[in-house]
C-alpha cells in the first residue's frame, strides 16, 4: 500500500471517528502514532498526515455535529499533538537502539525525519487555521482561537520532538567516531529502514497499552 492510499484511508477513518463520537482525543492520538511510519514516503510526510486527519475531522463534523464543530476540532487537535509526541518518543528510542547496536541509518532517512519534525509546530497551526476558517458561522469566527489552541497543544509536545530531532542529527556523528576508534566500519542501513524500525517501536508501545 502506497503512502497516498494510506493518507486517504486516514482521512476516511477520522471522518468515521467524528461521526461515531466517543473519546476522539484518544482515537486520533492512536491513529496518528500508528500511521507516522507509513507516511514517510508521502509528499509532505508528517504534515500530510496531519492534513489528512484535519480534513477528515472537518468532513465528519460538517456531516454529523455541525453545531459542535469547535469542541470536535479541539479534541482532534489534542489527539494530533498526543500522537506526534508518541511518534517522536518512538523515533528517539529507535535512534538510541541503533547507536547501542553499532548501526547507522541512511542519511536520507535521518534528513527526512528531521525535516518532518522541524516544521510540524508551524505547519499544524497553519493547517488548523485553514480548516477552521473554511467553516461558516461561529467556527470561522473562532479560527484564530483554534489556531492558537493548536499551537499550544503542539508546543506541549515539543520537548520529545526536539529530543528526537537532536538525536537524529547528532547520534550518527557520535556513532561514527566510536566506530572509527574501535577500528571497525559500521554498516549504514538502507533507505527506509529507519521508518520500518520506528513502526516496530510504535507497534510495541501499542501492544503495551492494550495489554
Protein backbone atom coordinates (compact mmCIF):
# COMPACT_ATOMS: atom_id res chain seq x y z
CA UNK A 1 0.00 0.00 0.00
CA UNK A 2 1.47 3.37 -1.03
CA UNK A 3 1.57 6.43 1.20
CA UNK A 4 -1.13 8.30 -0.72
CA UNK A 5 -3.57 5.40 -0.24
CA UNK A 6 -2.70 5.34 3.46
CA UNK A 7 -3.44 9.07 3.75
CA UNK A 8 -6.81 8.64 2.04
CA UNK A 9 -7.69 5.88 4.47
CA UNK A 10 -6.62 8.03 7.43
CA UNK A 11 -8.90 10.84 6.26
CA UNK A 12 -11.81 8.41 5.92
CA UNK A 13 -11.10 6.83 9.29
CA UNK A 14 -11.01 10.21 11.03
CA UNK A 15 -14.31 11.19 9.44
CA UNK A 16 -15.85 7.96 10.72
CA UNK A 17 -14.49 8.57 14.23
CA UNK A 18 -16.02 12.05 14.37
CA UNK A 19 -19.39 10.80 13.17
CA UNK A 20 -19.37 7.96 15.69
CA UNK A 21 -18.32 10.11 18.66
CA UNK A 22 -16.58 8.77 21.75
CA UNK A 23 -13.09 9.59 23.00
CA UNK A 24 -11.87 11.48 19.95
CA UNK A 25 -8.61 12.62 21.53
CA UNK A 26 -7.51 9.06 22.33
CA UNK A 27 -8.67 7.65 18.99
CA UNK A 28 -6.95 10.35 16.95
CA UNK A 29 -3.77 10.01 19.01
CA UNK A 30 -3.67 6.30 18.24
CA UNK A 31 -4.41 6.91 14.56
CA UNK A 32 -1.60 9.46 14.19
CA UNK A 33 1.06 7.48 16.03
CA UNK A 34 0.17 4.23 14.26
CA UNK A 35 0.44 5.89 10.84
CA UNK A 36 3.52 8.06 11.36
CA UNK A 37 5.96 5.47 9.99
CA UNK A 38 3.74 4.68 7.00
CA UNK A 39 3.58 8.19 5.54
CA UNK A 40 7.33 8.81 5.32
CA UNK A 41 7.25 8.38 1.54
CA UNK A 42 4.35 10.78 1.04
CA UNK A 43 4.96 14.32 -0.18
CA UNK A 44 4.93 16.43 2.97
CA UNK A 45 5.36 13.43 5.25
CA UNK A 46 4.02 14.19 8.72
CA UNK A 47 2.44 17.42 7.53
CA UNK A 48 0.39 15.40 5.05
CA UNK A 49 -0.64 13.07 7.86
CA UNK A 50 -1.87 15.98 9.98
CA UNK A 51 -3.73 17.47 7.00
CA UNK A 52 -5.46 14.15 6.27
CA UNK A 53 -6.64 13.90 9.89
CA UNK A 54 -7.90 17.50 9.96
CA UNK A 55 -9.65 17.17 6.59
CA UNK A 56 -11.38 14.00 7.77
CA UNK A 57 -12.39 15.65 11.03
CA UNK A 58 -13.82 18.65 9.17
CA UNK A 59 -15.87 16.42 6.86
CA UNK A 60 -17.18 14.39 9.77
CA UNK A 61 -18.06 17.47 11.81
CA UNK A 62 -19.99 19.07 8.95
CA UNK A 63 -21.98 15.90 8.38
CA UNK A 64 -22.65 14.80 11.96
CA UNK A 65 -22.19 17.56 14.52
CA UNK A 66 -22.10 20.97 12.78
CA UNK A 67 -23.23 22.74 15.95
CA UNK A 68 -20.34 21.22 17.92
CA UNK A 69 -17.59 21.63 15.35
CA UNK A 70 -15.33 23.71 17.58
CA UNK A 71 -15.08 21.21 20.50
CA UNK A 72 -14.71 18.39 17.99
CA UNK A 73 -11.79 20.14 16.28
CA UNK A 74 -10.24 20.91 19.67
CA UNK A 75 -10.35 17.23 20.62
CA UNK A 76 -8.83 16.28 17.28
CA UNK A 77 -6.01 18.83 17.68
CA UNK A 78 -5.24 17.46 21.14
CA UNK A 79 -5.14 13.95 19.70
CA UNK A 80 -2.79 15.03 16.93
CA UNK A 81 -0.39 16.56 19.47
CA UNK A 82 -0.50 13.41 21.60
CA UNK A 83 0.14 11.19 18.59
CA UNK A 84 3.05 13.30 17.38
CA UNK A 85 4.57 13.14 20.85
CA UNK A 86 4.36 9.35 20.88
CA UNK A 87 5.94 9.20 17.43
CA UNK A 88 8.80 11.45 18.50
CA UNK A 89 9.48 9.32 21.56
CA UNK A 90 9.48 6.18 19.44
CA UNK A 91 11.89 7.79 16.97
CA UNK A 92 14.24 8.68 19.82
CA UNK A 93 14.18 5.09 21.11
CA UNK A 94 14.85 3.82 17.59
CA UNK A 95 17.91 6.04 17.23
CA UNK A 96 19.25 5.15 20.68
CA UNK A 97 18.89 1.46 19.88
CA UNK A 98 20.80 1.87 16.62
CA UNK A 99 23.66 3.54 18.49
CA UNK A 100 23.81 0.70 21.01
CA UNK A 101 23.82 -1.86 18.19
CA UNK A 102 26.56 -0.12 16.22
CA UNK A 103 24.48 0.69 13.14
CA UNK A 104 23.69 3.88 11.26
CA UNK A 105 20.58 4.78 9.36
CA UNK A 106 20.63 6.18 5.83
CA UNK A 107 21.30 9.90 5.62
CA UNK A 108 18.15 10.45 3.59
CA UNK A 109 16.04 8.80 6.31
CA UNK A 110 17.57 10.95 9.02
CA UNK A 111 17.16 14.08 6.94
CA UNK A 112 13.53 13.26 6.18
CA UNK A 113 12.72 12.64 9.84
CA UNK A 114 14.47 15.85 10.89
CA UNK A 115 12.62 17.92 8.29
CA UNK A 116 9.26 16.40 9.24
CA UNK A 117 9.59 17.18 12.93
CA UNK A 118 11.30 20.54 12.50
CA UNK A 119 8.37 22.09 10.64
CA UNK A 120 5.48 20.49 12.50
CA UNK A 121 4.71 23.24 15.00
CA UNK A 122 4.04 25.99 12.49
CA UNK A 123 2.52 23.56 9.99
CA UNK A 124 -0.09 22.27 12.42
CA UNK A 125 -1.05 25.82 13.38
CA UNK A 126 -1.44 26.84 9.73
CA UNK A 127 -3.45 23.74 8.87
CA UNK A 128 -5.82 24.17 11.80
CA UNK A 129 -6.34 27.82 10.92
CA UNK A 130 -7.17 26.91 7.32
CA UNK A 131 -9.61 24.15 8.30
CA UNK A 132 -11.37 26.28 10.92
CA UNK A 133 -11.62 29.25 8.55
CA UNK A 134 -13.35 27.06 5.97
CA UNK A 135 -16.32 26.61 8.32
CA UNK A 136 -19.04 29.19 8.43
CA UNK A 137 -20.56 30.93 11.41
CA UNK A 138 -19.11 30.55 14.88
CA UNK A 139 -16.31 28.16 13.95
CA UNK A 140 -14.99 30.56 11.32
CA UNK A 141 -15.11 33.34 13.88
CA UNK A 142 -13.13 31.16 16.28
CA UNK A 143 -10.46 30.22 13.71
CA UNK A 144 -7.83 32.34 15.47
CA UNK A 145 -8.65 30.77 18.84
CA UNK A 146 -8.47 27.26 17.42
CA UNK A 147 -5.16 28.02 15.71
CA UNK A 148 -3.74 29.34 18.97
CA UNK A 149 -5.00 26.24 20.76
CA UNK A 150 -3.29 24.10 18.11
CA UNK A 151 -0.02 25.93 18.69
CA UNK A 152 -0.29 25.48 22.45
CA UNK A 153 -1.05 21.75 22.28
CA UNK A 154 1.74 21.09 19.81
CA UNK A 155 4.17 23.12 21.89
CA UNK A 156 3.35 20.86 24.83
CA UNK A 157 4.72 18.02 22.71
CA UNK A 158 7.85 19.89 21.60
CA UNK A 159 10.35 18.57 24.19
CA UNK A 160 10.26 14.96 22.91
CA UNK A 161 10.06 16.22 19.32
CA UNK A 162 13.16 18.36 19.82
CA UNK A 163 14.96 15.48 21.53
CA UNK A 164 14.18 13.21 18.60
CA UNK A 165 15.41 15.80 16.14
CA UNK A 166 18.59 16.37 18.12
CA UNK A 167 19.23 12.62 18.23
CA UNK A 168 18.62 12.29 14.51
CA UNK A 169 21.21 14.96 13.83
CA UNK A 170 23.82 14.06 16.43
CA UNK A 171 23.87 10.32 17.02
CA UNK A 172 25.25 9.28 13.61
CA UNK A 173 28.26 11.56 14.16
CA UNK A 174 28.85 10.16 17.62
CA UNK A 175 28.44 6.63 16.36
CA UNK A 176 30.86 7.25 13.51
CA UNK A 177 33.56 8.44 15.92
CA UNK A 178 33.04 5.49 18.24
CA UNK A 179 33.19 3.06 15.35
CA UNK A 180 36.34 4.67 13.96
CA UNK A 181 38.02 4.46 17.34
CA UNK A 182 37.09 0.79 17.56
CA UNK A 183 38.69 0.11 14.18
CA UNK A 184 35.54 -1.27 12.64
CA UNK A 185 33.19 0.01 9.96
CA UNK A 186 29.58 0.49 10.94
CA UNK A 187 27.16 -0.70 8.30
CA UNK A 188 24.79 2.00 7.12
CA UNK A 189 21.24 0.75 6.81
CA UNK A 190 19.38 1.01 3.52
CA UNK A 191 16.94 3.83 2.96
CA UNK A 192 13.61 3.17 4.62
CA UNK A 193 14.95 1.07 7.47
CA UNK A 194 14.61 3.92 9.98
CA UNK A 195 10.88 4.16 9.38
CA UNK A 196 10.46 0.39 9.49
CA UNK A 197 12.18 0.35 12.88
CA UNK A 198 10.07 3.30 14.00
CA UNK A 199 6.99 1.27 13.13
CA UNK A 200 8.27 -1.62 15.20
CA UNK A 201 8.69 0.59 18.27
CA UNK A 202 5.24 2.11 17.82
CA UNK A 203 3.70 -1.35 17.50
CA UNK A 204 5.38 -2.47 20.71
CA UNK A 205 4.14 0.64 22.51
CA UNK A 206 0.62 -0.01 21.29
CA UNK A 207 0.73 -3.61 22.44
CA UNK A 208 1.77 -2.50 25.94
CA UNK A 209 -1.17 -0.11 26.15
CA UNK A 210 -3.60 -2.82 25.09
CA UNK A 211 -2.16 -5.42 27.48
